[in-house]
Structure formats: C-alpha cells, structure tokens
Protein backbone atom coordinates (compact mmCIF):
# COMPACT_ATOMS: atom_id res chain seq x y z
CA MET A 1 56.19 156.84 54.90
CA VAL A 2 53.82 153.99 56.31
CA ASN A 3 54.21 153.69 60.05
CA PHE A 4 53.92 150.42 61.85
CA VAL A 5 50.98 149.96 64.04
CA SER A 6 49.37 147.39 66.27
CA PRO A 7 47.24 144.55 64.79
CA ASP A 8 44.37 145.79 66.57
CA LEU A 9 44.59 149.25 65.11
CA ALA A 10 45.44 148.07 61.70
CA VAL A 11 42.21 146.04 61.31
CA SER A 12 39.97 148.77 63.14
CA ARG A 13 39.19 150.21 59.80
CA ILE A 14 37.86 146.96 58.35
CA LYS A 15 33.78 147.39 58.16
CA SER A 16 31.11 144.93 58.29
CA GLY A 17 30.29 143.48 54.95
CA SER A 18 33.71 143.69 53.47
CA HIS A 19 35.20 141.35 51.19
CA ILE A 20 38.92 140.30 52.52
CA HIS A 21 41.63 138.60 50.64
CA LEU A 22 44.06 136.68 52.48
CA GLY A 23 47.43 135.84 51.70
CA SER A 24 47.76 132.08 51.24
CA VAL A 25 49.32 128.75 51.76
CA ALA A 26 52.60 129.14 54.01
CA SER A 27 52.07 132.96 54.45
CA VAL A 28 48.79 133.51 55.92
CA PRO A 29 48.58 136.65 57.98
CA HIS A 30 47.34 134.86 61.26
CA ILE A 31 48.16 137.88 63.38
CA LEU A 32 45.48 139.85 61.59
CA ILE A 33 42.88 137.20 61.49
CA ARG A 34 43.35 137.15 65.32
CA ALA A 35 42.76 140.49 65.71
CA LEU A 36 39.57 140.43 63.49
CA GLN A 37 38.62 137.78 65.91
CA LYS A 38 38.76 139.88 68.93
CA ARG A 39 36.63 142.85 67.00
CA ALA A 40 33.90 139.81 66.32
CA ASP A 41 33.97 138.47 69.84
CA ALA A 42 33.15 141.95 70.70
CA GLY A 43 30.58 142.44 68.39
CA GLU A 44 32.09 144.98 66.28
CA VAL A 45 31.97 143.55 63.05
CA ARG A 46 30.07 140.89 61.08
CA ASP A 47 29.42 139.46 57.54
CA LEU A 48 32.91 139.75 56.56
CA HIS A 49 33.71 137.44 53.40
CA PHE A 50 37.22 135.94 53.26
CA HIS A 51 38.89 134.69 49.80
CA HIS A 52 42.34 133.17 49.34
CA PHE A 53 44.03 130.17 47.91
CA HIS A 54 44.93 127.01 50.28
CA THR A 55 45.69 128.21 53.66
CA GLU A 56 47.63 126.67 56.18
CA GLY A 57 47.19 126.59 59.92
CA PRO A 58 43.62 127.59 61.83
CA ALA A 59 40.87 128.96 59.83
CA PRO A 60 38.38 130.53 62.26
CA TYR A 61 36.87 132.47 59.22
CA SER A 62 35.24 129.12 58.14
CA ALA A 63 34.19 128.18 61.83
CA PRO A 64 30.42 127.40 62.82
CA GLU A 65 30.94 129.66 65.87
CA TYR A 66 31.49 132.79 63.38
CA ALA A 67 28.27 131.79 61.34
CA GLY A 68 26.89 135.19 60.23
CA VAL A 69 30.09 137.12 61.24
CA PHE A 70 32.84 135.52 59.03
CA PHE A 71 31.97 133.43 55.73
CA GLU A 72 34.83 131.66 54.19
CA GLN A 73 34.56 131.67 50.09
CA GLY A 74 37.95 130.29 49.07
CA PHE A 75 39.23 129.37 45.41
CA PHE A 76 40.78 126.03 47.09
CA VAL A 77 39.46 123.87 49.71
CA GLY A 78 42.10 122.43 52.10
CA PRO A 79 41.88 120.30 55.16
CA ASN A 80 41.69 123.12 57.45
CA VAL A 81 38.25 124.41 55.94
CA ARG A 82 36.99 120.99 54.32
CA ALA A 83 34.75 120.05 56.90
CA ASN A 84 33.22 123.30 57.20
CA VAL A 85 32.64 123.87 53.64
CA ASN A 86 30.88 120.47 53.24
CA ALA A 87 28.77 121.45 56.24
CA GLY A 88 27.70 124.63 54.75
CA TYR A 89 29.51 127.26 57.12
CA ALA A 90 31.92 128.15 54.68
CA ASP A 91 31.53 128.03 50.68
CA TYR A 92 34.08 126.93 47.78
CA LEU A 93 34.32 129.57 44.74
CA PRO A 94 35.31 127.63 41.44
CA ALA A 95 37.86 129.20 39.35
CA HIS A 96 40.68 128.33 37.36
CA LEU A 97 43.88 129.88 39.27
CA PHE A 98 44.65 132.07 36.35
CA GLU A 99 41.20 133.76 36.43
CA THR A 100 41.29 134.47 40.22
CA GLN A 101 43.41 137.58 39.82
CA ALA A 102 41.05 138.68 36.90
CA MET A 103 38.09 138.19 38.94
CA TYR A 104 39.69 140.98 41.52
CA ARG A 105 40.83 143.07 38.54
CA SER A 106 37.52 143.21 36.64
CA GLY A 107 35.38 143.76 39.65
CA ALA A 108 33.51 140.42 39.23
CA LEU A 109 34.41 139.47 42.74
CA PRO A 110 34.77 142.62 45.02
CA CYS A 111 38.16 142.96 47.09
CA ASP A 112 37.57 145.62 49.64
CA VAL A 113 40.72 144.84 51.84
CA ALA A 114 44.08 143.02 51.43
CA LEU A 115 45.76 141.23 54.22
CA VAL A 116 49.41 139.75 53.25
CA GLN A 117 52.64 139.03 54.72
CA VAL A 118 55.84 140.58 53.15
CA SER A 119 59.57 140.62 53.50
CA PRO A 120 61.45 143.43 54.98
CA PRO A 121 62.03 145.87 52.35
CA ASP A 122 65.16 146.43 50.01
CA GLU A 123 67.39 149.59 49.69
CA ASN A 124 64.75 150.77 47.19
CA GLY A 125 61.84 150.39 49.56
CA MET A 126 60.34 147.39 47.76
CA VAL A 127 58.96 144.18 49.49
CA SER A 128 58.51 140.82 48.33
CA LEU A 129 55.21 138.57 48.90
CA GLY A 130 57.80 135.52 49.24
CA THR A 131 56.13 132.54 49.17
CA SER A 132 52.37 133.51 48.32
CA VAL A 133 52.15 135.96 45.35
CA ASP A 134 49.33 134.22 43.64
CA CYS A 135 46.64 136.83 43.24
CA SER A 136 47.59 139.02 46.03
CA ILE A 137 49.23 141.39 43.49
CA ALA A 138 45.77 141.76 42.05
CA ALA A 139 44.22 142.15 45.50
CA LEU A 140 46.72 145.03 46.22
CA ASP A 141 45.94 146.62 43.12
CA VAL A 142 42.08 146.87 43.72
CA ALA A 143 41.66 146.77 47.25
CA LYS A 144 40.49 150.00 49.53
CA LEU A 145 42.44 149.20 52.36
CA LYS A 146 45.84 147.44 52.31
CA ILE A 147 47.55 145.86 55.55
CA GLY A 148 50.79 144.73 55.15
CA VAL A 149 52.46 142.28 57.83
CA VAL A 150 56.23 142.84 57.75
CA ASN A 151 57.90 139.44 58.76
CA PRO A 152 61.53 138.68 58.51
CA HIS A 153 60.75 135.23 58.01
CA VAL A 154 59.34 135.79 54.57
CA PRO A 155 61.85 135.45 51.88
CA PHE A 156 62.72 138.07 49.62
CA ALA A 157 62.22 136.61 46.35
CA TYR A 158 62.55 138.41 43.19
CA GLY A 159 59.85 138.92 40.43
CA ASP A 160 56.83 140.93 41.54
CA LEU A 161 57.77 143.15 43.94
CA VAL A 162 55.53 145.65 45.95
CA PRO A 163 56.52 149.15 47.26
CA LEU A 164 56.42 149.63 50.93
CA ASP A 165 54.41 152.59 50.78
CA ARG A 166 51.53 151.23 48.98
CA PHE A 167 50.31 149.73 52.17
CA ASP A 168 47.78 151.83 54.33
CA TYR A 169 49.20 150.15 57.78
CA LEU A 170 51.69 147.67 58.66
CA VAL A 171 52.16 145.46 61.24
CA SER A 172 55.37 143.64 62.54
CA ASP A 173 55.31 139.69 63.34
CA ASP A 174 58.19 137.52 63.85
CA THR A 175 56.30 134.09 63.43
CA PRO A 176 58.09 131.55 61.08
CA LEU A 177 56.12 130.72 58.01
CA PHE A 178 54.23 127.09 57.93
CA THR A 179 56.26 124.42 56.63
CA LYS A 180 55.08 121.12 55.13
CA ALA A 181 56.80 117.54 55.22
CA TYR A 182 55.60 114.77 52.76
CA ALA A 183 55.12 111.44 52.99
CA ALA A 184 57.76 109.01 51.17
CA PRO A 185 56.46 108.02 47.87
CA SER A 186 54.63 104.58 48.05
CA GLU A 187 55.86 101.91 45.65
CA THR A 188 52.79 102.65 43.52
CA ASP A 189 53.99 106.30 43.48
CA ARG A 190 57.47 105.13 42.88
CA ILE A 191 56.26 103.13 39.52
CA ILE A 192 53.92 105.98 38.33
CA GLY A 193 56.72 108.42 38.48
CA GLN A 194 58.80 106.22 36.42
CA ASN A 195 56.11 106.00 33.96
CA CYS A 196 55.63 109.71 33.89
CA ALA A 197 59.75 110.15 33.72
CA GLN A 198 59.61 107.92 30.34
CA LEU A 199 57.23 110.93 28.81
CA VAL A 200 59.62 113.58 29.76
CA PRO A 201 62.34 114.49 27.15
CA ASP A 202 65.59 116.31 27.70
CA GLY A 203 65.04 119.81 27.73
CA ALA A 204 61.72 119.66 28.79
CA CYS A 205 60.05 122.41 31.16
CA LEU A 206 58.06 121.03 34.01
CA GLN A 207 54.95 121.87 35.90
CA MET A 208 54.19 119.75 38.81
CA GLY A 209 52.18 120.07 42.07
CA ILE A 210 53.50 118.97 45.29
CA GLY A 211 52.93 115.69 47.46
CA SER A 212 54.53 112.32 47.29
CA LEU A 213 53.55 111.47 43.82
CA PRO A 214 55.28 114.69 42.42
CA ASN A 215 58.37 113.82 44.47
CA ALA A 216 58.51 110.36 43.18
CA VAL A 217 58.49 111.87 39.56
CA CYS A 218 61.26 114.06 40.48
CA ALA A 219 63.22 111.07 41.89
CA SER A 220 62.61 109.32 38.47
CA LEU A 221 64.15 112.08 36.50
CA THR A 222 67.70 112.17 38.26
CA GLY A 223 69.05 110.87 34.61
CA HIS A 224 67.66 113.66 32.83
CA LYS A 225 69.56 116.91 31.66
CA ASP A 226 68.64 120.52 30.81
CA LEU A 227 65.22 120.45 32.30
CA GLY A 228 63.07 123.84 33.15
CA LEU A 229 60.61 124.76 35.64
CA HIS A 230 57.57 126.87 34.91
CA THR A 231 55.04 125.82 37.48
CA GLU A 232 52.23 127.37 39.91
CA MET A 233 54.18 125.63 42.98
CA PHE A 234 57.06 123.36 44.02
CA ALA A 235 58.66 121.92 46.78
CA ASP A 236 61.51 119.79 47.97
CA GLY A 237 61.33 117.32 45.28
CA ALA A 238 62.08 119.74 42.58
CA LEU A 239 64.59 121.52 44.74
CA ASP A 240 66.69 118.19 44.46
CA LEU A 241 66.82 118.40 40.81
CA ILE A 242 67.64 122.33 40.99
CA GLU A 243 70.69 121.49 43.19
CA LYS A 244 71.83 118.76 41.14
CA GLY A 245 71.72 121.04 38.00
CA ILE A 246 69.16 118.78 36.44
CA ILE A 247 66.83 121.67 36.43
CA ASN A 248 68.52 124.57 34.91
CA GLY A 249 66.24 126.13 32.52
CA ALA A 250 68.93 126.16 29.89
CA ASN A 251 66.28 125.05 26.86
CA LYS A 252 63.43 127.64 27.90
CA GLU A 253 62.70 130.22 25.55
CA LEU A 254 61.01 132.39 28.16
CA ASP A 255 62.83 133.20 31.52
CA ARG A 256 65.73 131.23 30.44
CA GLY A 257 68.04 129.88 33.36
CA LYS A 258 65.02 130.88 35.95
CA VAL A 259 62.62 128.83 38.05
CA VAL A 260 59.08 130.41 37.87
CA ALA A 261 56.51 129.79 40.39
CA SER A 262 53.76 131.77 42.09
CA PHE A 263 53.32 130.21 45.64
CA LEU A 264 55.32 127.42 47.55
CA LEU A 265 54.63 124.94 50.14
CA GLY A 266 57.56 122.91 51.51
CA SER A 267 60.39 122.82 53.84
CA GLN A 268 62.34 125.78 55.35
CA LYS A 269 65.07 124.59 52.75
CA VAL A 270 62.82 125.59 49.95
CA TYR A 271 62.03 128.98 51.47
CA ASP A 272 65.52 129.74 52.18
CA PHE A 273 66.52 128.77 48.67
CA ILE A 274 64.41 131.46 47.08
CA ASP A 275 65.49 134.37 49.23
CA HIS A 276 67.68 136.90 47.60
CA ASN A 277 68.02 133.95 44.63
CA PRO A 278 68.12 135.65 41.34
CA SER A 279 67.46 132.54 39.29
CA VAL A 280 63.84 132.25 40.97
CA LEU A 281 61.06 134.56 40.08
CA MET A 282 58.06 134.41 42.22
CA ARG A 283 55.01 136.14 39.76
CA ASP A 284 51.79 137.07 39.64
CA ILE A 285 49.34 134.14 38.98
CA LYS A 286 48.49 136.10 35.87
CA TYR A 287 51.88 135.27 34.28
CA VAL A 288 52.48 132.09 35.82
CA ASN A 289 49.18 130.52 34.78
CA ASP A 290 48.80 131.88 31.50
CA PRO A 291 48.25 129.13 29.16
CA TYR A 292 49.71 131.45 26.38
CA VAL A 293 52.74 132.20 28.45
CA ILE A 294 53.03 128.55 29.84
CA GLY A 295 53.18 127.57 25.71
CA ARG A 296 55.86 129.77 24.67
CA ASN A 297 58.30 127.38 26.24
CA PRO A 298 59.15 124.37 24.17
CA LYS A 299 58.31 120.85 25.61
CA VAL A 300 56.26 121.93 28.42
CA VAL A 301 55.38 118.73 30.18
CA SER A 302 52.43 119.45 32.82
CA ILE A 303 51.82 116.49 35.49
CA ASN A 304 48.67 116.71 37.54
CA SER A 305 46.38 114.36 39.32
CA ALA A 306 42.83 113.34 39.68
CA VAL A 307 40.26 111.99 42.19
CA GLU A 308 38.75 109.81 39.14
CA ILE A 309 38.50 109.39 35.43
CA ASP A 310 35.41 108.16 33.65
CA LEU A 311 35.95 106.07 30.41
CA THR A 312 35.33 108.94 28.10
CA GLY A 313 38.52 111.10 29.69
CA GLN A 314 36.59 113.45 31.94
CA VAL A 315 38.78 114.03 34.87
CA CYS A 316 37.46 115.02 38.46
CA ALA A 317 40.14 116.53 40.71
CA ASP A 318 38.27 118.78 42.84
CA SER A 319 35.51 116.64 44.67
CA ILE A 320 34.54 113.19 45.86
CA GLY A 321 30.91 113.22 44.55
CA GLU A 322 29.10 116.13 46.11
CA ARG A 323 31.72 116.42 48.59
CA MET A 324 34.24 119.25 47.94
CA PHE A 325 37.78 117.94 48.64
CA SER A 326 40.27 120.55 46.99
CA GLY A 327 39.70 123.04 43.91
CA THR A 328 39.96 123.48 40.38
CA GLY A 329 43.46 124.90 40.86
CA GLY A 330 45.50 125.32 37.67
CA GLN A 331 45.19 121.87 36.33
CA LEU A 332 43.41 123.03 33.22
CA ASP A 333 45.68 126.28 32.93
CA PHE A 334 48.49 123.88 32.49
CA VAL A 335 46.71 121.15 30.60
CA ARG A 336 46.33 123.83 27.81
CA GLY A 337 49.45 125.45 28.10
CA ALA A 338 51.33 122.28 27.63
CA LYS A 339 49.28 121.28 24.88
CA LEU A 340 50.17 124.95 23.28
CA SER A 341 53.67 124.07 23.59
CA GLU A 342 55.85 122.79 20.81
CA GLY A 343 56.73 119.31 21.79
CA GLY A 344 54.35 119.73 25.00
CA LYS A 345 52.78 116.86 26.69
CA ALA A 346 49.63 117.10 29.52
CA ILE A 347 49.80 114.10 31.95
CA ILE A 348 47.13 113.26 34.28
CA ALA A 349 48.81 110.76 36.74
CA MET A 350 47.06 108.92 39.39
CA ALA A 351 47.21 105.49 41.09
CA SER A 352 44.73 102.93 39.57
CA ARG A 353 42.66 102.72 43.07
CA THR A 354 42.44 104.72 45.99
CA ALA A 355 43.99 103.89 49.59
CA LYS A 356 40.82 102.28 50.40
CA GLY A 357 40.93 100.04 47.21
CA LEU A 358 38.19 101.65 45.17
CA PRO A 359 38.58 102.19 41.38
CA LYS A 360 39.89 105.52 40.06
CA ILE A 361 39.00 104.45 36.26
CA VAL A 362 35.20 104.35 36.55
CA PRO A 363 32.56 104.01 34.10
CA VAL A 364 31.11 107.30 34.92
CA LEU A 365 31.90 109.87 37.74
CA GLN A 366 29.81 110.01 40.80
CA PRO A 367 26.94 111.78 40.82
CA GLY A 368 27.78 115.80 41.77
CA ALA A 369 31.52 115.09 40.87
CA GLY A 370 33.23 118.39 39.51
CA VAL A 371 34.78 117.99 35.77
CA VAL A 372 38.06 119.79 36.02
CA THR A 373 39.72 118.81 32.89
CA PRO A 374 37.07 118.03 30.12
CA ARG A 375 37.65 114.98 28.00
CA ALA A 376 38.33 117.40 24.97
CA ASP A 377 41.36 118.64 26.65
CA VAL A 378 42.79 115.29 28.09
CA GLN A 379 45.90 114.07 26.69
CA TRP A 380 47.98 111.63 28.51
CA VAL A 381 46.67 109.55 31.48
CA VAL A 382 49.25 107.55 33.62
CA THR A 383 48.86 104.92 36.11
CA GLU A 384 51.06 102.43 37.73
CA TYR A 385 50.01 100.01 34.83
CA GLY A 386 51.21 102.15 32.08
CA ALA A 387 50.34 105.27 29.83
CA ALA A 388 47.49 106.04 27.59
CA ASN A 389 47.41 109.03 24.87
CA LEU A 390 43.74 109.99 24.51
CA TYR A 391 44.53 112.56 22.12
CA GLY A 392 42.98 112.22 19.03
CA LYS A 393 41.03 109.35 20.20
CA SER A 394 37.24 108.54 19.91
CA LEU A 395 35.18 107.63 23.13
CA GLN A 396 35.57 103.93 22.52
CA GLU A 397 39.10 103.91 21.51
CA ARG A 398 39.45 106.24 24.71
CA ALA A 399 37.57 103.58 26.57
CA ARG A 400 40.07 100.76 25.63
CA LEU A 401 43.01 102.67 26.37
CA LEU A 402 41.86 103.47 29.99
CA ILE A 403 40.82 99.92 30.68
CA GLY A 404 44.17 98.73 29.43
CA ILE A 405 45.83 100.98 32.47
CA ALA A 406 43.07 100.49 34.85
CA HIS A 407 43.56 97.89 38.13
CA PRO A 408 43.64 94.32 36.75
CA ASP A 409 40.82 93.40 39.00
CA ASP A 410 38.66 96.39 37.83
CA ARG A 411 39.16 95.50 34.04
CA GLU A 412 36.07 93.08 33.52
CA LYS A 413 33.60 95.47 35.13
CA LEU A 414 34.86 98.51 33.08
CA ASP A 415 34.65 96.35 29.87
CA ARG A 416 31.18 95.18 30.76
CA ALA A 417 30.08 98.76 31.23
CA ALA A 418 31.75 100.04 27.86
CA PHE A 419 30.12 97.14 26.27
CA GLU A 420 26.56 98.26 27.71
CA ARG A 421 27.63 102.06 26.79
CA PHE A 422 28.85 101.43 23.11
CA GLY A 423 26.76 98.36 22.11
CA PRO A 424 28.00 95.22 20.35
CA HIS A 425 30.19 97.07 18.23
CA TRP A 426 32.59 97.32 21.27
CA LYS A 427 33.78 93.81 20.71
CA MET A 428 34.61 94.07 17.23
CA MET A 429 36.87 96.72 17.23
C-alpha cells in the first residue's frame, strides 16, 4: 500500500538532470511544481527537463529566473510559456500527439519522473487521470519515479485507469482544476461554422478542437442527427450537442455509443459530465490519435485550423514565421485518420484574414513557418467565403480554388503571385 506524504518529501527523490513528465492541460500538478521550486531555490537540484502537452497556470519551469535549473521542452506551446520559448529560456519539442507516447515508450525521449494528478480510487483501487490522460499513461509505464496527486476535483473517467499502488508516492490536494471559458463566436466564426456544417453528413464521427470556431461549428450542427465524437479533446460546444442527443455515437463502428477523448479543457460542467459517466472513455493518446483507429469509424470529419495556408495547400498551424505559437498537435493524426475513414473528410477551417487584417491565404508561407499538414495530405479548406476541395487537384488548380475562398481584397494580389509562379498558362486554365 502506498502512503500519503508531503509534497516536499515526494519530490525529494528527484535528482538533478532528470527528465520529468507533467500531467497537462487542466490537471497540472502545481503542488509538486511548487515543492520543486523550493528545492531549486535552496540549491538542491538543477538541470531538470520538463515535458508536457499544453499546460494551464503558472509555468516556473520555463521562467528566466530558473535558467540552468529548470528547462521546459513541451510538446505544445501555450500562452503561459510562449514568450519564454521564443526568448530561448524554454524550448519546443516537435511531435504529432500520437507519437508523444511512442517517444516515451521507445526511450527516444527519457522519462525519469512522472508527476500527475488522479482521482480518488474506486472500490478496486483504480484511479483515473481524469481530464488529462494524453501521454501520461506512457510516462507512468516507463518512469522510474511515479508521484500521484490524489485530488477529489479530478473526475473519475472511464477508459484507461491506473492502479493506485503503481505510484511510489501519493500527495493529497484539494485545489480545483483549471477551467476555461471561450469567447462567443464572431460573425465570421458563425459563417465558417455554417460552411463546415454543410460538409458534415448525418451519422458522421467528429473531431474538433476547442475555442470559438469549434463552438460555432457545433452551433451549426443542431439540425444533424446520430453524430459521433472521437476527438483528442472537446469542450462545452460539443457537450451541448451531446445533451441534445445529436451526438450519440449510434453510427460508430468502434466504441459505439461512446464519446472518446484523451484530454479536456472547458467549464466545470464538462468535468462533471465525464465523472463516473460510462458513455465517456478517456483514453491513451496511443489509441485516440492513431490514424488507423480513427479511420475504423465511418464518415469521420476532422475539423482543424491554421495560421496560414499557401497557394499550393501547405498548412502552417504551429508558428508565425519563426515565432512558435502553439504546436503540431494532433492535426495530421486526424487529417490522415479522416482520409482513411469510409466517407471521411478532413477540413482545415479558418478566417480568410487575421484579427489584424492580414491575409491567411498567402502566396508562400512566412520564412521559418512550420508545415504541420503537407499539401499532399490536405483535403478541404473552409473560410467564410466558401469551401475548396484540394484533393486530387494540381498546384494550379489548388491556387485557383484557394483564391476563390480568400478575402476579396486579397484575390488580385494572389492571382498576380500565381501568374508569376505558374507562368502565362495560368490565365488559360
């Protein structure tokens, strides 16, 4: 039986030079991070490397004042670490989310310590990772030191559970999980949502991210029926469709009648919904983001976003030029999974311009921009001006289709760029 100890005692065995996995998103074990800060301030530990998905809350593990002591190498760059990553005090580890667990399990990325939050145990001594399963299961499989924070605010979600006695140390905490309220969809979001919804057939299995645009898509699906949900994460917009019976999983071949996800960030209502709910499975990212698993359900529709797209269909979704903004995430996992699905569709949805009025359909990507979805993988692109299917289209055909859904004030410049690139035959097509 594992005994409960203080946070200070739990982290006392972490050695300098260790690679540490953090439970992520809404369920970061901040109580253990603060205990590590105390050790660092006392000069007891240094050169600790932190790996994680997106995290909410303070991020001292990326802060300049801990340079040489803490070094963050996350799989995703959230707002709390973005400035420090771009200043060089922290770093980004490029990875498709499906592969994060494989990096741990193969030893390509060391994982000496796993720090996670878990629910109170059930009658069989099993605990749930609640809102943040992601690659934490893999970290617990390989880490030499496993520390769990038992928190009653972590919902007991079915799916991949962990025996409580797997942990070397347990710490008790009663801090609520981070919640997230998303801005109401703009008029542009609403139109894009409607354009996406027109591509979604009844009986489709959805993957969407979080934010105002996915919520706008959900708001446009209220007339649909028998939708499914197999997605790396979801929030309140999808929950509304579940509560209305529109998302019921009736058409799924795999996990029929179940909602499948790997991590969550939303309101407390979302966290309460998954607690002891047998219709929800929170699973290892190895399962959720496997393109071949995704493709086993029919009519998979993946909807993801982009920072910018060039005229050949290359999708940048992780950076603004050389400046890291987010991460590769699971976009390509689901693009490829949707294309493997019978009747599936992979959609990249975005506004035609940024909030500052800059074009998002561009002749070429900015220098240093990361290509998250290669042009050979791109299928549908949707803006407020319509939808373009690039699948099976040549470079010149793609350029014409993308110019047609660009902002009207950007089309002349794009047309001129296409002429300069493709030559006089451009005008003859």
